[in-house]
Amino acid sequence: MSEALLRAYCALANRLYDLRASERGAGAIEYGIIVALIAAIIVAILRDLGTSTRGAIRSGNRGL
C-alpha cells in the first residue's frame, strides 16, 4: 500500500511543479490546499508504516 501512496505523492509533486511553472502569482489559498494535500499524504504513509511496524513487533514478541 505504501508504494501506491508514493506513486500518488510523485504524481502530485509533478502536477504541482507543472502548475508552478505555468502560473505565476498563485494565491495563499492555493498554497494552503497544496500543503494540506501533502500533509494528508504524509499522515497516510506514516500510519501505514506504524501499522506494519506494530505487526512486526507483535510477531517478534510471539516468537519469544
C-alpha atoms as a PDB file:
ATOM      1  CA  MET A   1       0.000   0.000   0.000  1.00  0.00           C
ATOM      2  CA  SER A   2       2.839   2.428   0.685  1.00  0.00           C
ATOM      3  CA  GLU A   3       4.031   2.016  -2.924  1.00  0.00           C
ATOM      4  CA  ALA A   4       0.674   3.307  -4.135  1.00  0.00           C
ATOM      5  CA  LEU A   5       0.932   6.252  -1.760  1.00  0.00           C
ATOM      6  CA  LEU A   6       4.422   7.011  -3.016  1.00  0.00           C
ATOM      7  CA  ARG A   7       3.174   6.981  -6.603  1.00  0.00           C
ATOM      8  CA  ALA A   8       0.337   9.328  -5.623  1.00  0.00           C
ATOM      9  CA  TYR A   9       2.813  11.664  -3.940  1.00  0.00           C
ATOM     10  CA  CYS A  10       5.074  11.688  -7.013  1.00  0.00           C
ATOM     11  CA  ALA A  11       2.129  12.393  -9.300  1.00  0.00           C
ATOM     12  CA  LEU A  12       1.046  15.244  -7.035  1.00  0.00           C
ATOM     13  CA  ALA A  13       4.570  16.664  -6.902  1.00  0.00           C
ATOM     14  CA  ASN A  14       4.844  16.567 -10.700  1.00  0.00           C
ATOM     15  CA  ARG A  15       1.474  18.258 -11.080  1.00  0.00           C
ATOM     16  CA  LEU A  16       2.430  20.962  -8.600  1.00  0.00           C
ATOM     17  CA  TYR A  17       5.678  21.578 -10.459  1.00  0.00           C
ATOM     18  CA  ASP A  18       3.759  21.956 -13.726  1.00  0.00           C
ATOM     19  CA  LEU A  19       1.327  24.397 -12.113  1.00  0.00           C
ATOM     20  CA  ARG A  20       4.141  26.435 -10.641  1.00  0.00           C
ATOM     21  CA  ALA A  21       5.941  26.632 -13.967  1.00  0.00           C
ATOM     22  CA  SER A  22       2.853  27.710 -15.904  1.00  0.00           C
ATOM     23  CA  GLU A  23       1.079  30.003 -13.433  1.00  0.00           C
ATOM     24  CA  ARG A  24       2.765  32.882 -11.629  1.00  0.00           C
ATOM     25  CA  GLY A  25       1.364  34.624  -8.594  1.00  0.00           C
ATOM     26  CA  ALA A  26      -0.660  31.797  -7.069  1.00  0.00           C
ATOM     27  CA  GLY A  27      -2.617  32.877  -4.003  1.00  0.00           C
ATOM     28  CA  ALA A  28      -2.155  31.837  -0.404  1.00  0.00           C
ATOM     29  CA  ILE A  29      -5.294  29.705  -0.592  1.00  0.00           C
ATOM     30  CA  GLU A  30      -3.822  27.560  -3.350  1.00  0.00           C
ATOM     31  CA  TYR A  31      -0.625  27.067  -1.380  1.00  0.00           C
ATOM     32  CA  GLY A  32      -2.687  26.157   1.683  1.00  0.00           C
ATOM     33  CA  ILE A  33      -4.523  23.486  -0.290  1.00  0.00           C
ATOM     34  CA  ILE A  34      -1.241  22.108  -1.596  1.00  0.00           C
ATOM     35  CA  VAL A  35       0.223  21.945   1.909  1.00  0.00           C
ATOM     36  CA  ALA A  36      -2.925  20.215   3.188  1.00  0.00           C
ATOM     37  CA  LEU A  37      -2.727  17.572   0.445  1.00  0.00           C
ATOM     38  CA  ILE A  38       0.937  16.895   1.124  1.00  0.00           C
ATOM     39  CA  ALA A  39       0.254  16.663   4.860  1.00  0.00           C
ATOM     40  CA  ALA A  40      -2.578  14.183   4.250  1.00  0.00           C
ATOM     41  CA  ILE A  41      -0.289  12.003   2.131  1.00  0.00           C
ATOM     42  CA  ILE A  42       2.436  12.095   4.787  1.00  0.00           C
ATOM     43  CA  VAL A  43      -0.054  11.130   7.508  1.00  0.00           C
ATOM     44  CA  ALA A  44      -1.292   8.205   5.396  1.00  0.00           C
ATOM     45  CA  ILE A  45       2.267   6.987   4.794  1.00  0.00           C
ATOM     46  CA  LEU A  46       3.195   7.252   8.475  1.00  0.00           C
ATOM     47  CA  ARG A  47       0.010   5.454   9.523  1.00  0.00           C
ATOM     48  CA  ASP A  48       0.807   2.622   7.107  1.00  0.00           C
ATOM     49  CA  LEU A  49       4.358   2.380   8.421  1.00  0.00           C
ATOM     50  CA  GLY A  50       3.104   2.359  12.017  1.00  0.00           C
ATOM     51  CA  THR A  51       0.694  -0.460  11.305  1.00  0.00           C
ATOM     52  CA  SER A  52       3.328  -2.608   9.615  1.00  0.00           C
ATOM     53  CA  THR A  53       5.876  -1.875  12.355  1.00  0.00           C
ATOM     54  CA  ARG A  54       3.378  -2.809  15.058  1.00  0.00           C
ATOM     55  CA  GLY A  55       2.669  -6.096  13.292  1.00  0.00           C
ATOM     56  CA  ALA A  56       6.377  -6.918  13.064  1.00  0.00           C
ATOM     57  CA  ILE A  57       6.915  -6.180  16.745  1.00  0.00           C
ATOM     58  CA  ARG A  58       3.945  -8.311  17.777  1.00  0.00           C
ATOM     59  CA  SER A  59       5.077 -11.256  15.708  1.00  0.00           C
ATOM     60  CA  GLY A  60       8.565 -10.913  17.200  1.00  0.00           C
ATOM     61  CA  ASN A  61       7.112 -10.935  20.698  1.00  0.00           C
ATOM     62  CA  ARG A  62       5.128 -14.081  19.939  1.00  0.00           C
ATOM     63  CA  GLY A  63       8.361 -15.807  18.911  1.00  0.00           C
ATOM     64  CA  LEU A  64       9.852 -15.149  22.315  1.00  0.00           C
END
